Each structure stands twice: as C-alpha cells, then as structure tokens.
C-alpha cells in the first residue's frame, strides 16, 4: 500500500509541476502588457465631393442642424469637431451633409465616418495607437 501511495503522490506532483510550467510557458509567449489609454481624434473631417459643390453645410450628431462649411486655402472641405458643427456630448461616427452641386444637383444625408490607424504604435502594434478619420466621400444624385 505504501508503494502505491508513493506512486500516486509522485504522479500527482508531476502533473502539478507540468501544469504550472504549461501555464507560465503560455503566458511568456506574449509578455506584452498594454496600458489603458483611449485615443480620441479631435481633428476635422474632410468631405470629398464627386463633383464641385456650390454650397456645403454639415454637422455631427443625431438631429443636428447643418451649418455652412467654407472651403479652406488648400481647396479642401474640412468640418471641425467644434461648435457650431458639434454639440457635445457626441461620439463622432457619422456626419450630416447637405450640399448643392454647381450644376444644381443636391444631396442630403447622414454619412458614416471611418477611422484608420496613423501608423504610430507607441506601446507596440498589438496595443493599438492613435487614429484619424478617412475622408468622407459625398456623391450627388
């Protein structure tokens, strides 16, 4: 009986040691620890039109009232994430655009905003990093 008991204890210890080694070994394959940082993009949203617009108005948020947007010196249509285009608190995931083309076509609607990585990964690729918004395509009907 003592011999059987000793064998049982030895097998139990081997199983326990192998389990610990497997757990520690599995953890050491990916030792990365990502900090709890949330990145927010507060830059403007660029609107890219299928044909030159004569007038543009836009805003962020459900039920917002579009405000006139002016083309900048680089001939880009940029909508800042600030008043009067943004009434806080709003999580910017779409933009409401009302525009008239030079030829008279009109468009109005809520358009989705897609995000993309800036390519910067301060804590490693697996931890994510800052992002920016892709230009939003606007087509006239």
C-alpha atoms as a PDB file:
ATOM      1  CA  UNK A   1       0.000   0.000   0.000  1.00  0.00           C
ATOM      2  CA  UNK A   2       2.856   2.407   0.785  1.00  0.00           C
ATOM      3  CA  UNK A   3       4.386   1.824  -2.593  1.00  0.00           C
ATOM      4  CA  UNK A   4       1.075   2.534  -4.343  1.00  0.00           C
ATOM      5  CA  UNK A   5       0.589   5.681  -2.242  1.00  0.00           C
ATOM      6  CA  UNK A   6       4.081   6.948  -3.064  1.00  0.00           C
ATOM      7  CA  UNK A   7       3.486   6.364  -6.782  1.00  0.00           C
ATOM      8  CA  UNK A   8       0.165   8.221  -6.632  1.00  0.00           C
ATOM      9  CA  UNK A   9       1.787  11.198  -4.844  1.00  0.00           C
ATOM     10  CA  UNK A  10       4.673  11.243  -7.343  1.00  0.00           C
ATOM     11  CA  UNK A  11       2.295  11.219 -10.352  1.00  0.00           C
ATOM     12  CA  UNK A  12       0.213  13.979  -8.739  1.00  0.00           C
ATOM     13  CA  UNK A  13       3.285  16.143  -8.207  1.00  0.00           C
ATOM     14  CA  UNK A  14       4.483  15.602 -11.780  1.00  0.00           C
ATOM     15  CA  UNK A  15       1.041  16.622 -13.096  1.00  0.00           C
ATOM     16  CA  UNK A  16       1.021  19.716 -10.861  1.00  0.00           C
ATOM     17  CA  UNK A  17       4.532  20.769 -11.920  1.00  0.00           C
ATOM     18  CA  UNK A  18       3.717  20.209 -15.616  1.00  0.00           C
ATOM     19  CA  UNK A  19       0.534  22.283 -15.248  1.00  0.00           C
ATOM     20  CA  UNK A  20       2.449  25.181 -13.694  1.00  0.00           C
ATOM     21  CA  UNK A  21       5.103  25.011 -16.420  1.00  0.00           C
ATOM     22  CA  UNK A  22       2.418  24.971 -19.137  1.00  0.00           C
ATOM     23  CA  UNK A  23       0.628  27.970 -17.623  1.00  0.00           C
ATOM     24  CA  UNK A  24       3.812  30.008 -17.157  1.00  0.00           C
ATOM     25  CA  UNK A  25       5.099  28.984 -20.586  1.00  0.00           C
ATOM     26  CA  UNK A  26       1.840  30.062 -22.221  1.00  0.00           C
ATOM     27  CA  UNK A  27       1.993  33.434 -20.527  1.00  0.00           C
ATOM     28  CA  UNK A  28       5.577  34.085 -21.541  1.00  0.00           C
ATOM     29  CA  UNK A  29       4.846  33.700 -25.267  1.00  0.00           C
ATOM     30  CA  UNK A  30       3.153  37.100 -25.316  1.00  0.00           C
ATOM     31  CA  UNK A  31       4.520  39.154 -22.421  1.00  0.00           C
ATOM     32  CA  UNK A  32       3.008  42.411 -23.750  1.00  0.00           C
ATOM     33  CA  UNK A  33       1.000  44.473 -21.327  1.00  0.00           C
ATOM     34  CA  UNK A  34      -0.948  47.299 -22.961  1.00  0.00           C
ATOM     35  CA  UNK A  35      -1.685  50.461 -20.985  1.00  0.00           C
ATOM     36  CA  UNK A  36      -5.291  51.531 -20.585  1.00  0.00           C
ATOM     37  CA  UNK A  37      -5.112  54.507 -22.940  1.00  0.00           C
ATOM     38  CA  UNK A  38      -8.067  55.618 -25.030  1.00  0.00           C
ATOM     39  CA  UNK A  39      -7.153  57.579 -28.125  1.00  0.00           C
ATOM     40  CA  UNK A  40      -9.528  60.260 -29.390  1.00  0.00           C
ATOM     41  CA  UNK A  41      -9.306  62.042 -32.721  1.00  0.00           C
ATOM     42  CA  UNK A  42     -10.398  65.656 -32.469  1.00  0.00           C
ATOM     43  CA  UNK A  43      -9.229  66.839 -35.892  1.00  0.00           C
ATOM     44  CA  UNK A  44     -11.524  67.893 -38.726  1.00  0.00           C
ATOM     45  CA  UNK A  45     -13.464  65.579 -41.022  1.00  0.00           C
ATOM     46  CA  UNK A  46     -12.670  66.046 -44.718  1.00  0.00           C
ATOM     47  CA  UNK A  47     -15.503  65.888 -47.253  1.00  0.00           C
ATOM     48  CA  UNK A  48     -14.547  64.765 -50.772  1.00  0.00           C
ATOM     49  CA  UNK A  49     -17.154  65.540 -53.445  1.00  0.00           C
ATOM     50  CA  UNK A  50     -17.839  63.642 -56.681  1.00  0.00           C
ATOM     51  CA  UNK A  51     -18.262  66.993 -58.454  1.00  0.00           C
ATOM     52  CA  UNK A  52     -17.507  70.548 -57.289  1.00  0.00           C
ATOM     53  CA  UNK A  53     -20.126  71.811 -54.813  1.00  0.00           C
ATOM     54  CA  UNK A  54     -21.640  75.290 -54.896  1.00  0.00           C
ATOM     55  CA  UNK A  55     -22.693  75.158 -51.236  1.00  0.00           C
ATOM     56  CA  UNK A  56     -21.957  72.841 -48.326  1.00  0.00           C
ATOM     57  CA  UNK A  57     -23.431  72.533 -44.838  1.00  0.00           C
ATOM     58  CA  UNK A  58     -22.643  69.861 -42.253  1.00  0.00           C
ATOM     59  CA  UNK A  59     -22.903  68.880 -38.593  1.00  0.00           C
ATOM     60  CA  UNK A  60     -22.285  65.990 -36.181  1.00  0.00           C
ATOM     61  CA  UNK A  61     -24.893  64.252 -34.050  1.00  0.00           C
ATOM     62  CA  UNK A  62     -28.444  62.915 -34.253  1.00  0.00           C
ATOM     63  CA  UNK A  63     -30.946  65.583 -35.294  1.00  0.00           C
ATOM     64  CA  UNK A  64     -28.322  68.339 -35.641  1.00  0.00           C
ATOM     65  CA  UNK A  65     -28.823  71.386 -37.860  1.00  0.00           C
ATOM     66  CA  UNK A  66     -26.196  71.602 -40.644  1.00  0.00           C
ATOM     67  CA  UNK A  67     -24.095  74.770 -40.645  1.00  0.00           C
ATOM     68  CA  UNK A  68     -22.337  76.352 -43.635  1.00  0.00           C
ATOM     69  CA  UNK A  69     -18.843  74.965 -44.324  1.00  0.00           C
ATOM     70  CA  UNK A  70     -16.261  77.029 -46.211  1.00  0.00           C
ATOM     71  CA  UNK A  71     -13.532  75.600 -48.427  1.00  0.00           C
ATOM     72  CA  UNK A  72     -10.041  76.216 -46.991  1.00  0.00           C
ATOM     73  CA  UNK A  73      -6.973  77.665 -48.766  1.00  0.00           C
ATOM     74  CA  UNK A  74      -5.933  74.170 -49.906  1.00  0.00           C
ATOM     75  CA  UNK A  75      -9.359  73.776 -51.590  1.00  0.00           C
ATOM     76  CA  UNK A  76     -10.431  71.147 -49.042  1.00  0.00           C
ATOM     77  CA  UNK A  77     -13.794  70.943 -47.346  1.00  0.00           C
ATOM     78  CA  UNK A  78     -12.941  70.412 -43.665  1.00  0.00           C
ATOM     79  CA  UNK A  79     -15.570  70.235 -40.914  1.00  0.00           C
ATOM     80  CA  UNK A  80     -14.083  70.926 -37.462  1.00  0.00           C
ATOM     81  CA  UNK A  81     -15.242  68.967 -34.431  1.00  0.00           C
ATOM     82  CA  UNK A  82     -16.294  72.120 -32.608  1.00  0.00           C
ATOM     83  CA  UNK A  83     -19.288  74.460 -32.335  1.00  0.00           C
ATOM     84  CA  UNK A  84     -21.425  75.190 -34.303  1.00  0.00           C
ATOM     85  CA  UNK A  85     -20.909  71.848 -36.101  1.00  0.00           C
ATOM     86  CA  UNK A  86     -20.692  69.730 -32.943  1.00  0.00           C
ATOM     87  CA  UNK A  87     -22.933  69.966 -29.906  1.00  0.00           C
ATOM     88  CA  UNK A  88     -21.438  67.932 -27.067  1.00  0.00           C
ATOM     89  CA  UNK A  89     -21.658  65.220 -25.937  1.00  0.00           C
ATOM     90  CA  UNK A  90     -21.454  63.397 -29.254  1.00  0.00           C
ATOM     91  CA  UNK A  91     -19.482  60.347 -30.271  1.00  0.00           C
ATOM     92  CA  UNK A  92     -18.485  61.212 -33.835  1.00  0.00           C
ATOM     93  CA  UNK A  93     -19.330  58.215 -36.043  1.00  0.00           C
ATOM     94  CA  UNK A  94     -21.281  59.959 -38.784  1.00  0.00           C
ATOM     95  CA  UNK A  95     -21.711  63.391 -40.352  1.00  0.00           C
ATOM     96  CA  UNK A  96     -24.858  65.010 -41.696  1.00  0.00           C
ATOM     97  CA  UNK A  97     -24.160  66.717 -45.029  1.00  0.00           C
ATOM     98  CA  UNK A  98     -26.385  68.937 -47.156  1.00  0.00           C
ATOM     99  CA  UNK A  99     -24.787  70.136 -50.389  1.00  0.00           C
ATOM    100  CA  UNK A 100     -25.694  71.572 -53.767  1.00  0.00           C
ATOM    101  CA  UNK A 101     -23.530  70.934 -56.832  1.00  0.00           C
ATOM    102  CA  UNK A 102     -22.579  73.680 -59.259  1.00  0.00           C
ATOM    103  CA  UNK A 103     -24.945  72.050 -61.798  1.00  0.00           C
ATOM    104  CA  UNK A 104     -27.875  72.102 -59.364  1.00  0.00           C
ATOM    105  CA  UNK A 105     -27.814  68.501 -58.099  1.00  0.00           C
ATOM    106  CA  UNK A 106     -28.458  68.153 -54.360  1.00  0.00           C
ATOM    107  CA  UNK A 107     -27.521  65.667 -51.697  1.00  0.00           C
ATOM    108  CA  UNK A 108     -28.507  65.375 -48.061  1.00  0.00           C
ATOM    109  CA  UNK A 109     -27.982  62.623 -45.554  1.00  0.00           C
ATOM    110  CA  UNK A 110     -26.028  61.067 -42.744  1.00  0.00           C
ATOM    111  CA  UNK A 111     -22.748  59.588 -43.951  1.00  0.00           C
ATOM    112  CA  UNK A 112     -20.611  57.138 -41.934  1.00  0.00           C
ATOM    113  CA  UNK A 113     -17.134  58.187 -40.862  1.00  0.00           C
ATOM    114  CA  UNK A 114     -14.438  55.514 -40.989  1.00  0.00           C
ATOM    115  CA  UNK A 115     -11.280  55.594 -38.897  1.00  0.00           C
ATOM    116  CA  UNK A 116      -7.791  54.404 -39.805  1.00  0.00           C
ATOM    117  CA  UNK A 117      -4.570  53.985 -37.862  1.00  0.00           C
ATOM    118  CA  UNK A 118      -1.993  56.754 -38.050  1.00  0.00           C
ATOM    119  CA  UNK A 119       0.659  54.037 -38.157  1.00  0.00           C
ATOM    120  CA  UNK A 120       2.039  55.079 -34.782  1.00  0.00           C
ATOM    121  CA  UNK A 121       2.102  52.388 -32.103  1.00  0.00           C
ATOM    122  CA  UNK A 122       3.780  53.823 -29.006  1.00  0.00           C
ATOM    123  CA  UNK A 123       3.300  50.609 -26.986  1.00  0.00           C
ATOM    124  CA  UNK A 124       3.622  48.020 -29.771  1.00  0.00           C
ATOM    125  CA  UNK A 125       1.457  47.043 -32.727  1.00  0.00           C
ATOM    126  CA  UNK A 126      -0.739  44.745 -30.641  1.00  0.00           C
ATOM    127  CA  UNK A 127      -1.674  47.598 -28.316  1.00  0.00           C
ATOM    128  CA  UNK A 128      -3.221  49.832 -30.968  1.00  0.00           C
ATOM    129  CA  UNK A 129      -2.487  53.521 -31.170  1.00  0.00           C
ATOM    130  CA  UNK A 130      -3.731  56.880 -32.404  1.00  0.00           C
ATOM    131  CA  UNK A 131      -6.141  57.055 -35.336  1.00  0.00           C
ATOM    132  CA  UNK A 132      -7.585  59.604 -37.766  1.00  0.00           C
ATOM    133  CA  UNK A 133     -10.711  59.803 -39.881  1.00  0.00           C
ATOM    134  CA  UNK A 134     -10.644  58.822 -43.538  1.00  0.00           C
ATOM    135  CA  UNK A 135     -12.034  61.425 -45.977  1.00  0.00           C
ATOM    136  CA  UNK A 136     -15.814  61.046 -46.376  1.00  0.00           C
ATOM    137  CA  UNK A 137     -16.965  60.651 -49.990  1.00  0.00           C
ATOM    138  CA  UNK A 138     -20.041  62.703 -50.924  1.00  0.00           C
ATOM    139  CA  UNK A 139     -21.878  61.966 -54.182  1.00  0.00           C
ATOM    140  CA  UNK A 140     -24.593  63.967 -55.840  1.00  0.00           C
ATOM    141  CA  UNK A 141     -27.709  62.229 -57.151  1.00  0.00           C
END
